[in-house]
Amino acid sequence: METASELNASFEAEQKDYPKLVMLGVLHMAQYFPAAFTGVALPFIFRKEGLPLEMFWLLALPGIPRGLKWLMALVVDNYGNNRIGRRKSWIIPCTLVGACAYAVLALIPPSLTAVHIIVGVLVFKSLVMACQDIAVDAYAAESMNDAERPVGTSLINFLGAIAGVMGSGAVALVDMFGWPMTMLAASGLMLFAALPAIIRQEPAPPEASRKREQRGERPNLLKALKRRDSYYIMPFLFMFGFGGAFFGSMIGPFFADKGLTLTEFGILSPIAVIAGSGLAAVSTPWLIGRIGMRNTALISVTVLPFEGLMYFVFARMTDLPALPMLISMVALLAFATSIYTYTATISRFRWASKAQAGTDYALQSSVWNLGVWAAGSTAGIVAATVGWAFFFPIAAIVAGVGGVFYIVLFDRIEKEVLSREQEELRLEQ
């Protein structure tokens, strides 16, 4: 086993391919925009249209395909065009289909009568983009070295956050330019995201993957589930996804009920999130390098109770603070939430086996997104039952449980992953 000094020396010796990291970040923009649009903007818009909170489970349906990525990964990981690139042959067409889906939505203005049609189109788009997500994440897990992973993950998440605020801030675009133009702009973003993948050549598969193919083995879901590290990783990912989404899925409806206009919410969300996630993108690699992954995550977890308290105060106030003050407070919370997410994502890229990165990461993402879907399906019911003032303290506690899972299980997971990597290295030799 390598010592800490040997690991640091290895880390410093590895080079960073920044164009590759930017490409991965741009591709993730195509994933984060739809997630934010369906998770934040669409609930806000349909709340303004009069959709009852008890019906918000309907808007959670586009999240179901993301929870089934473990099944689709067996196809994505096993098939692909080697001439184009095993990952690119999925990434490019799926991203283009996503662009077409938003072009179709431009023809369907939001209304209570059209909600089922819009959700249907979004479910189809989510199914296709889930395949893109699998291929992109496999590309990242396979190609990023130890030196690239903290920087690359921060860049991926920051560019994803920009796309996310574009998705959540789409409410302002809808207010200013109308639904059709906003959906066409979303379609254009998808086309933009596909360009770097079209231009850049895909690297050769990792050695572990080539050795697996030489042995006549295929990516195996049961193999991933039976590994000892999965016993700890999977419960953590579900709780982490559930905790974050339980809180976040109700932010849009809450501010809608507090009287914010489409434009005001469209200003608040982008500025606050970009500021918070941008600070986290710079500080997270620095913090990890000095205090470690586990302690960096601990910082964000300790802030969650204050997040719940702040929204409790907002819920009790007759009038919200002025928009600049509101932006500052929400930005600080976005910073803590981003660190909370970045550390877990860095770990997930590392935990995926190089021998079957697509299947492993998709399984992890599926469990994560299953938690997100479960939270989105229940949060509205809880909010309607207890009211906004009591919902947010409950949500902060739920999110904190996910963070505690990560901190408590981190050392155990790392030990099991290291043991598995050593076994894979033995097989390669």
Protein backbone atom coordinates (compact mmCIF):
# COMPACT_ATOMS: atom_id res chain seq x y z
CA MET A 1 0.00 0.00 0.00
CA GLU A 2 1.31 3.45 -0.90
CA THR A 3 2.21 5.92 1.81
CA ALA A 4 0.68 9.39 1.98
CA SER A 5 3.90 10.97 0.64
CA GLU A 6 4.01 8.52 -2.28
CA LEU A 7 0.42 9.28 -3.13
CA ASN A 8 1.09 13.03 -3.02
CA ALA A 9 4.13 12.61 -5.27
CA SER A 10 2.06 10.58 -7.73
CA PHE A 11 -0.69 13.19 -7.62
CA GLU A 12 1.71 16.03 -8.37
CA ALA A 13 3.38 14.10 -11.21
CA GLU A 14 0.16 13.55 -13.14
CA GLN A 15 -0.73 16.10 -15.80
CA LYS A 16 -4.08 17.81 -16.23
CA ASP A 17 -5.75 17.81 -19.64
CA TYR A 18 -7.80 20.99 -19.31
CA PRO A 19 -9.47 20.85 -22.77
CA LYS A 20 -10.80 17.40 -21.85
CA LEU A 21 -12.09 18.69 -18.51
CA VAL A 22 -13.82 21.62 -20.24
CA MET A 23 -15.43 19.23 -22.72
CA LEU A 24 -16.73 17.06 -19.88
CA GLY A 25 -18.05 20.18 -18.17
CA VAL A 26 -19.88 21.33 -21.31
CA LEU A 27 -21.41 17.88 -21.78
CA HIS A 28 -22.63 17.95 -18.20
CA MET A 29 -24.35 21.26 -18.96
CA ALA A 30 -26.69 19.23 -21.17
CA GLN A 31 -27.54 17.11 -18.12
CA TYR A 32 -27.88 19.81 -15.47
CA PHE A 33 -30.16 22.10 -17.48
CA PRO A 34 -32.97 19.53 -17.83
CA ALA A 35 -32.63 18.50 -14.18
CA ALA A 36 -32.94 22.11 -12.97
CA PHE A 37 -35.69 22.92 -15.45
CA THR A 38 -37.88 19.99 -14.39
CA GLY A 39 -36.89 20.20 -10.72
CA VAL A 40 -37.13 23.98 -10.12
CA ALA A 41 -38.53 26.02 -13.03
CA LEU A 42 -41.35 23.71 -14.07
CA PRO A 43 -42.74 23.34 -10.48
CA PHE A 44 -42.66 27.15 -10.12
CA ILE A 45 -44.40 27.67 -13.47
CA PHE A 46 -47.10 25.08 -12.82
CA ARG A 47 -47.65 26.38 -9.29
CA LYS A 48 -48.36 29.75 -10.87
CA GLU A 49 -50.72 27.94 -13.26
CA GLY A 50 -52.60 26.59 -10.22
CA LEU A 51 -51.37 23.00 -10.00
CA PRO A 52 -52.18 21.69 -6.46
CA LEU A 53 -49.23 20.61 -4.29
CA GLU A 54 -50.80 17.15 -4.07
CA MET A 55 -50.31 16.81 -7.85
CA PHE A 56 -46.60 17.63 -7.85
CA TRP A 57 -45.75 13.93 -7.95
CA LEU A 58 -46.61 14.21 -11.64
CA LEU A 59 -43.69 16.58 -12.20
CA ALA A 60 -41.36 14.03 -10.59
CA LEU A 61 -42.07 11.42 -13.31
CA PRO A 62 -39.28 12.69 -15.68
CA GLY A 63 -36.86 11.70 -12.94
CA ILE A 64 -37.75 8.00 -13.20
CA PRO A 65 -35.43 7.23 -16.20
CA ARG A 66 -32.48 8.59 -14.23
CA GLY A 67 -33.29 5.99 -11.60
CA LEU A 68 -33.16 3.25 -14.26
CA LYS A 69 -29.70 4.08 -15.58
CA TRP A 70 -28.34 0.90 -14.01
CA LEU A 71 -30.40 -1.07 -16.52
CA MET A 72 -29.54 1.06 -19.55
CA ALA A 73 -25.84 1.03 -18.62
CA LEU A 74 -25.57 -2.65 -19.54
CA VAL A 75 -26.41 -1.67 -23.14
CA VAL A 76 -24.31 1.53 -23.20
CA ASP A 77 -21.29 -0.21 -21.64
CA ASN A 78 -21.46 -3.24 -23.95
CA TYR A 79 -22.20 -1.61 -27.30
CA GLY A 80 -20.76 1.29 -29.23
CA ASN A 81 -19.03 2.23 -32.45
CA ASN A 82 -15.27 1.89 -32.02
CA ARG A 83 -14.57 3.99 -35.12
CA ILE A 84 -16.49 6.98 -33.75
CA GLY A 85 -15.67 6.14 -30.12
CA ARG A 86 -17.51 3.81 -27.75
CA ARG A 87 -18.68 6.71 -25.60
CA LYS A 88 -19.08 9.35 -28.35
CA SER A 89 -21.34 7.04 -30.37
CA TRP A 90 -23.88 7.41 -27.54
CA ILE A 91 -23.11 10.96 -26.41
CA ILE A 92 -23.59 12.73 -29.75
CA PRO A 93 -26.93 11.24 -30.98
CA CYS A 94 -28.53 11.32 -27.52
CA THR A 95 -27.63 14.99 -27.03
CA LEU A 96 -29.09 15.81 -30.46
CA VAL A 97 -32.35 13.99 -29.60
CA GLY A 98 -32.52 16.06 -26.40
CA ALA A 99 -32.28 19.18 -28.56
CA CYS A 100 -35.19 17.95 -30.69
CA ALA A 101 -37.32 17.27 -27.58
CA TYR A 102 -37.04 20.89 -26.45
CA ALA A 103 -37.91 22.05 -29.97
CA VAL A 104 -41.13 19.98 -29.69
CA LEU A 105 -41.92 21.54 -26.29
CA ALA A 106 -41.75 24.96 -27.94
CA LEU A 107 -45.05 24.00 -29.60
CA ILE A 108 -46.82 23.13 -26.30
CA PRO A 109 -47.42 26.14 -23.99
CA PRO A 110 -47.70 25.21 -20.26
CA SER A 111 -51.22 24.88 -18.88
CA LEU A 112 -53.13 22.54 -16.58
CA THR A 113 -54.64 20.84 -19.64
CA ALA A 114 -51.22 20.34 -21.26
CA VAL A 115 -49.35 19.19 -18.15
CA HIS A 116 -49.65 15.47 -19.05
CA ILE A 117 -48.34 16.04 -22.61
CA ILE A 118 -45.42 18.14 -21.39
CA VAL A 119 -44.53 15.55 -18.75
CA GLY A 120 -44.72 12.80 -21.40
CA VAL A 121 -42.25 14.61 -23.69
CA LEU A 122 -39.95 15.23 -20.72
CA VAL A 123 -40.08 11.55 -19.70
CA PHE A 124 -39.02 10.52 -23.24
CA LYS A 125 -36.28 13.15 -23.27
CA SER A 126 -35.08 12.00 -19.84
CA LEU A 127 -34.89 8.41 -21.09
CA VAL A 128 -32.63 9.41 -23.99
CA MET A 129 -30.53 11.80 -21.92
CA ALA A 130 -30.05 9.11 -19.28
CA CYS A 131 -28.12 7.15 -21.92
CA GLN A 132 -26.07 10.27 -22.67
CA ASP A 133 -25.45 10.72 -18.95
CA ILE A 134 -24.17 7.13 -18.63
CA ALA A 135 -21.73 7.57 -21.52
CA VAL A 136 -20.46 10.98 -20.33
CA ASP A 137 -19.94 9.81 -16.75
CA ALA A 138 -18.19 6.66 -17.96
CA TYR A 139 -15.95 8.84 -20.13
CA ALA A 140 -15.11 10.97 -17.08
CA ALA A 141 -14.56 8.05 -14.71
CA GLU A 142 -12.31 6.27 -17.22
CA SER A 143 -10.24 9.23 -18.38
CA MET A 144 -9.69 11.44 -15.30
CA ASN A 145 -6.57 10.72 -13.26
CA ASP A 146 -6.12 11.50 -9.56
CA ALA A 147 -4.73 14.97 -10.27
CA GLU A 148 -7.60 15.84 -12.61
CA ARG A 149 -10.45 14.50 -10.48
CA PRO A 150 -10.87 17.35 -7.89
CA VAL A 151 -10.34 20.10 -10.49
CA GLY A 152 -12.35 18.30 -13.16
CA THR A 153 -15.25 17.56 -10.85
CA SER A 154 -15.35 21.18 -9.64
CA LEU A 155 -15.31 22.42 -13.25
CA ILE A 156 -17.96 19.88 -14.26
CA ASN A 157 -20.19 20.90 -11.39
CA PHE A 158 -19.60 24.64 -11.89
CA LEU A 159 -20.46 24.53 -15.59
CA GLY A 160 -23.31 22.24 -14.66
CA ALA A 161 -24.44 24.81 -12.10
CA ILE A 162 -24.43 27.51 -14.79
CA ALA A 163 -26.63 25.27 -16.92
CA GLY A 164 -28.66 24.53 -13.81
CA VAL A 165 -29.35 28.19 -13.13
CA MET A 166 -30.24 28.59 -16.79
CA GLY A 167 -32.74 25.79 -16.23
CA SER A 168 -34.10 27.18 -12.97
CA GLY A 169 -33.87 30.74 -14.28
CA ALA A 170 -35.88 29.75 -17.34
CA VAL A 171 -38.89 31.15 -15.49
CA ALA A 172 -37.52 34.66 -16.15
CA LEU A 173 -36.92 33.83 -19.82
CA VAL A 174 -40.49 32.53 -20.07
CA ASP A 175 -41.72 35.77 -18.51
CA MET A 176 -39.64 37.99 -20.81
CA PHE A 177 -39.53 36.08 -24.10
CA GLY A 178 -42.29 33.52 -23.84
CA TRP A 179 -42.35 29.73 -23.59
CA PRO A 180 -41.56 28.94 -27.27
CA MET A 181 -38.39 31.07 -27.41
CA THR A 182 -37.20 29.68 -24.06
CA MET A 183 -37.60 26.09 -25.25
CA LEU A 184 -35.81 26.90 -28.52
CA ALA A 185 -32.96 28.40 -26.47
CA ALA A 186 -32.81 25.15 -24.47
CA SER A 187 -32.61 23.25 -27.74
CA GLY A 188 -29.71 25.46 -28.80
CA LEU A 189 -27.88 24.72 -25.53
CA MET A 190 -28.11 21.01 -26.29
CA LEU A 191 -26.64 21.56 -29.76
CA PHE A 192 -23.81 23.63 -28.25
CA ALA A 193 -23.05 20.87 -25.73
CA ALA A 194 -22.64 18.29 -28.50
CA LEU A 195 -19.96 20.28 -30.39
CA PRO A 196 -16.89 19.53 -28.20
CA ALA A 197 -17.66 15.80 -28.26
CA ILE A 198 -17.94 15.90 -32.06
CA ILE A 199 -14.60 17.70 -32.43
CA ARG A 200 -12.43 15.93 -29.81
CA GLN A 201 -11.07 12.42 -30.37
CA GLU A 202 -12.02 9.89 -27.72
CA PRO A 203 -9.04 8.33 -25.82
CA ALA A 204 -8.37 4.61 -25.80
CA PRO A 205 -10.28 2.54 -23.20
CA PRO A 206 -8.46 2.06 -19.87
CA GLU A 207 -6.23 -0.98 -19.40
CA ALA A 208 -8.64 -2.62 -16.95
CA SER A 209 -11.42 -2.45 -19.55
CA ARG A 210 -9.24 -3.89 -22.33
CA LYS A 211 -8.08 -6.74 -20.07
CA ARG A 212 -11.70 -7.51 -19.19
CA GLU A 213 -12.59 -7.74 -22.88
CA GLN A 214 -9.57 -9.98 -23.54
CA ARG A 215 -10.83 -12.35 -20.84
CA GLY A 216 -14.19 -12.45 -22.65
CA GLU A 217 -16.01 -10.74 -19.76
CA ARG A 218 -18.81 -8.22 -20.13
CA PRO A 219 -19.84 -5.44 -17.72
CA ASN A 220 -21.87 -7.15 -15.05
CA LEU A 221 -24.44 -5.53 -12.79
CA LEU A 222 -24.49 -8.41 -10.31
CA LYS A 223 -20.71 -8.20 -10.01
CA ALA A 224 -20.97 -4.55 -9.04
CA LEU A 225 -23.74 -5.25 -6.52
CA LYS A 226 -21.86 -8.15 -4.92
CA ARG A 227 -18.69 -6.16 -4.23
CA ARG A 228 -18.22 -5.35 -0.57
CA ASP A 229 -17.83 -1.62 -1.26
CA SER A 230 -21.35 -1.53 -2.76
CA TYR A 231 -22.83 -2.60 0.60
CA TYR A 232 -21.80 0.80 1.95
CA ILE A 233 -21.92 2.98 -1.17
CA MET A 234 -25.53 2.27 -2.16
CA PRO A 235 -27.29 3.19 1.14
CA PHE A 236 -25.23 6.38 1.33
CA LEU A 237 -26.10 7.42 -2.23
CA PHE A 238 -29.84 6.91 -1.71
CA MET A 239 -29.89 8.94 1.50
CA PHE A 240 -27.65 11.62 0.02
CA GLY A 241 -29.84 12.02 -3.07
CA PHE A 242 -33.05 11.95 -1.03
CA GLY A 243 -31.80 14.49 1.50
CA GLY A 244 -30.63 17.06 -1.04
CA ALA A 245 -33.71 16.82 -3.27
CA PHE A 246 -36.21 16.81 -0.38
CA PHE A 247 -35.01 20.29 0.51
CA GLY A 248 -34.30 21.61 -2.96
CA SER A 249 -37.43 20.42 -4.80
CA MET A 250 -39.68 22.75 -2.80
CA ILE A 251 -37.65 25.97 -3.12
CA GLY A 252 -39.45 27.02 -6.30
CA PRO A 253 -43.02 26.40 -5.02
CA PHE A 254 -42.12 28.11 -1.71
CA PHE A 255 -40.96 31.34 -3.37
CA ALA A 256 -43.96 31.18 -5.71
CA ASP A 257 -46.29 31.05 -2.69
CA LYS A 258 -44.36 33.93 -1.08
CA GLY A 259 -45.25 36.12 -4.03
CA LEU A 260 -42.05 36.28 -6.10
CA THR A 261 -42.74 36.94 -9.76
CA LEU A 262 -41.28 34.84 -12.57
CA THR A 263 -38.70 37.55 -13.24
CA GLU A 264 -37.73 37.99 -9.56
CA PHE A 265 -37.23 34.25 -9.10
CA GLY A 266 -35.38 34.11 -12.39
CA ILE A 267 -32.95 36.76 -11.09
CA LEU A 268 -32.61 35.31 -7.58
CA SER A 269 -31.85 31.74 -8.60
CA PRO A 270 -29.12 32.32 -11.24
CA ILE A 271 -27.14 34.95 -9.36
CA ALA A 272 -27.27 33.14 -6.02
CA VAL A 273 -26.39 29.73 -7.42
CA ILE A 274 -23.62 30.93 -9.76
CA ALA A 275 -22.02 32.92 -6.94
CA GLY A 276 -22.28 30.06 -4.46
CA SER A 277 -21.22 27.28 -6.83
CA GLY A 278 -18.43 29.39 -8.32
CA LEU A 279 -16.92 29.95 -4.87
CA ALA A 280 -17.29 26.23 -4.14
CA ALA A 281 -15.65 25.28 -7.47
CA VAL A 282 -12.53 27.26 -6.52
CA SER A 283 -12.41 26.38 -2.83
CA THR A 284 -13.32 22.66 -2.93
CA PRO A 285 -10.07 21.40 -4.59
CA TRP A 286 -8.10 23.69 -2.26
CA LEU A 287 -9.91 22.40 0.83
CA ILE A 288 -9.57 18.76 -0.23
CA GLY A 289 -5.83 19.24 -0.73
CA ARG A 290 -5.42 20.59 2.82
CA ILE A 291 -7.98 18.91 5.05
CA GLY A 292 -9.13 15.90 2.99
CA MET A 293 -12.39 14.85 1.39
CA ARG A 294 -14.15 13.76 4.55
CA ASN A 295 -13.48 16.96 6.51
CA THR A 296 -14.42 19.11 3.51
CA ALA A 297 -17.82 17.39 3.39
CA LEU A 298 -18.19 17.94 7.14
CA ILE A 299 -18.07 21.73 6.61
CA SER A 300 -21.16 21.67 4.41
CA VAL A 301 -23.08 19.27 6.65
CA THR A 302 -22.70 21.56 9.67
CA VAL A 303 -24.30 24.41 7.69
CA LEU A 304 -27.50 22.50 6.83
CA PRO A 305 -29.29 23.21 10.15
CA PHE A 306 -28.74 26.94 9.57
CA GLU A 307 -30.21 26.55 6.08
CA GLY A 308 -33.36 25.04 7.57
CA LEU A 309 -33.52 27.80 10.21
CA MET A 310 -33.18 30.53 7.60
CA TYR A 311 -36.03 29.20 5.47
CA PHE A 312 -38.08 28.75 8.64
CA VAL A 313 -37.63 32.47 9.26
CA PHE A 314 -38.49 33.24 5.62
CA ALA A 315 -41.67 31.17 5.94
CA ARG A 316 -42.74 33.07 9.08
CA MET A 317 -42.10 36.51 7.57
CA THR A 318 -44.97 38.39 6.00
CA ASP A 319 -42.60 40.15 3.58
CA LEU A 320 -39.36 38.63 2.32
CA PRO A 321 -36.09 40.64 2.58
CA ALA A 322 -35.17 42.91 -0.33
CA LEU A 323 -33.97 41.00 -3.38
CA PRO A 324 -30.23 41.91 -2.96
CA MET A 325 -30.24 40.65 0.65
CA LEU A 326 -32.16 37.55 -0.40
CA ILE A 327 -29.60 36.85 -3.15
CA SER A 328 -26.68 37.16 -0.68
CA MET A 329 -28.25 34.78 1.84
CA VAL A 330 -29.24 32.19 -0.75
CA ALA A 331 -25.75 32.41 -2.35
CA LEU A 332 -24.10 31.48 0.96
CA LEU A 333 -26.36 28.48 1.21
CA ALA A 334 -25.64 27.54 -2.41
CA PHE A 335 -21.93 27.57 -1.50
CA ALA A 336 -22.44 25.06 1.32
CA THR A 337 -24.75 22.91 -0.79
CA SER A 338 -22.23 22.87 -3.66
CA ILE A 339 -19.41 21.63 -1.43
CA TYR A 340 -21.86 19.02 -0.11
CA THR A 341 -22.44 17.81 -3.69
CA TYR A 342 -18.92 18.24 -5.12
CA THR A 343 -17.23 16.00 -2.55
CA ALA A 344 -19.73 13.21 -3.08
CA THR A 345 -19.36 13.46 -6.88
CA ILE A 346 -15.54 13.31 -6.70
CA SER A 347 -15.85 10.18 -4.60
CA ARG A 348 -18.32 8.61 -7.06
CA PHE A 349 -15.89 9.05 -9.98
CA ARG A 350 -13.21 7.35 -7.91
CA TRP A 351 -15.46 4.55 -6.67
CA ALA A 352 -16.42 3.42 -10.19
CA SER A 353 -14.32 0.48 -11.40
CA LYS A 354 -12.21 1.22 -14.48
CA ALA A 355 -13.10 -2.25 -15.77
CA GLN A 356 -16.79 -1.32 -16.12
CA ALA A 357 -17.00 2.39 -15.42
CA GLY A 358 -20.27 2.97 -17.27
CA THR A 359 -22.15 0.24 -15.41
CA ASP A 360 -20.68 1.14 -12.02
CA TYR A 361 -21.26 4.88 -12.24
CA ALA A 362 -24.72 4.40 -13.73
CA LEU A 363 -25.66 2.09 -10.86
CA GLN A 364 -24.44 4.69 -8.37
CA SER A 365 -26.31 7.46 -10.21
CA SER A 366 -29.46 5.35 -10.38
CA VAL A 367 -29.50 4.83 -6.63
CA TRP A 368 -28.78 8.55 -6.12
CA ASN A 369 -31.57 9.54 -8.52
CA LEU A 370 -33.94 7.01 -6.97
CA GLY A 371 -33.50 8.96 -3.76
CA VAL A 372 -34.06 12.23 -5.69
CA TRP A 373 -37.25 10.86 -7.24
CA ALA A 374 -38.53 9.57 -3.89
CA ALA A 375 -37.90 12.98 -2.35
CA GLY A 376 -39.62 14.83 -5.20
CA SER A 377 -42.63 12.52 -4.90
CA THR A 378 -43.09 13.03 -1.16
CA ALA A 379 -41.83 16.55 -0.40
CA GLY A 380 -44.95 18.27 -1.77
CA ILE A 381 -47.22 16.05 0.34
CA VAL A 382 -45.20 16.79 3.49
CA ALA A 383 -45.18 20.54 2.75
CA ALA A 384 -48.94 20.54 2.20
CA THR A 385 -49.44 18.64 5.48
CA VAL A 386 -47.18 20.56 7.89
CA GLY A 387 -46.92 23.96 6.17
CA TRP A 388 -43.84 25.80 4.93
CA ALA A 389 -42.59 26.91 8.36
CA PHE A 390 -42.22 23.36 9.66
CA PHE A 391 -41.30 21.77 6.34
CA PHE A 392 -37.86 23.37 6.10
CA PRO A 393 -36.52 22.34 9.54
CA ILE A 394 -37.65 18.80 8.70
CA ALA A 395 -35.96 19.07 5.28
CA ALA A 396 -32.68 20.29 6.84
CA ILE A 397 -32.65 17.31 9.21
CA VAL A 398 -33.30 14.91 6.32
CA ALA A 399 -30.48 16.47 4.27
CA GLY A 400 -28.17 16.30 7.29
CA VAL A 401 -28.75 12.56 7.58
CA GLY A 402 -27.40 12.11 4.04
CA GLY A 403 -24.29 14.08 4.92
CA VAL A 404 -23.75 12.10 8.12
CA PHE A 405 -23.96 8.86 6.09
CA TYR A 406 -21.12 10.11 3.89
CA ILE A 407 -18.90 11.16 6.79
CA VAL A 408 -19.48 7.99 8.83
CA LEU A 409 -19.05 5.57 5.91
CA PHE A 410 -16.25 7.42 4.06
CA ASP A 411 -13.25 5.62 5.62
CA ARG A 412 -14.92 2.21 5.30
CA ILE A 413 -15.81 2.79 1.64
CA GLU A 414 -12.29 3.99 0.78
CA LYS A 415 -10.80 0.89 2.42
CA GLU A 416 -13.05 -1.44 0.43
CA VAL A 417 -12.45 0.46 -2.85
CA LEU A 418 -8.67 0.29 -2.35
CA SER A 419 -8.90 -3.46 -1.77
CA ARG A 420 -10.96 -3.87 -4.96
CA GLU A 421 -8.49 -1.75 -6.98
CA GLN A 422 -5.59 -3.89 -5.80
CA GLU A 423 -7.46 -7.02 -6.92
CA GLU A 424 -8.15 -5.47 -10.35
CA LEU A 425 -4.46 -4.57 -10.66
CA ARG A 426 -3.53 -8.17 -9.91
CA LEU A 427 -5.85 -9.40 -12.68
CA GLU A 428 -4.37 -6.89 -15.15
CA GLN A 429 -0.90 -8.27 -14.48
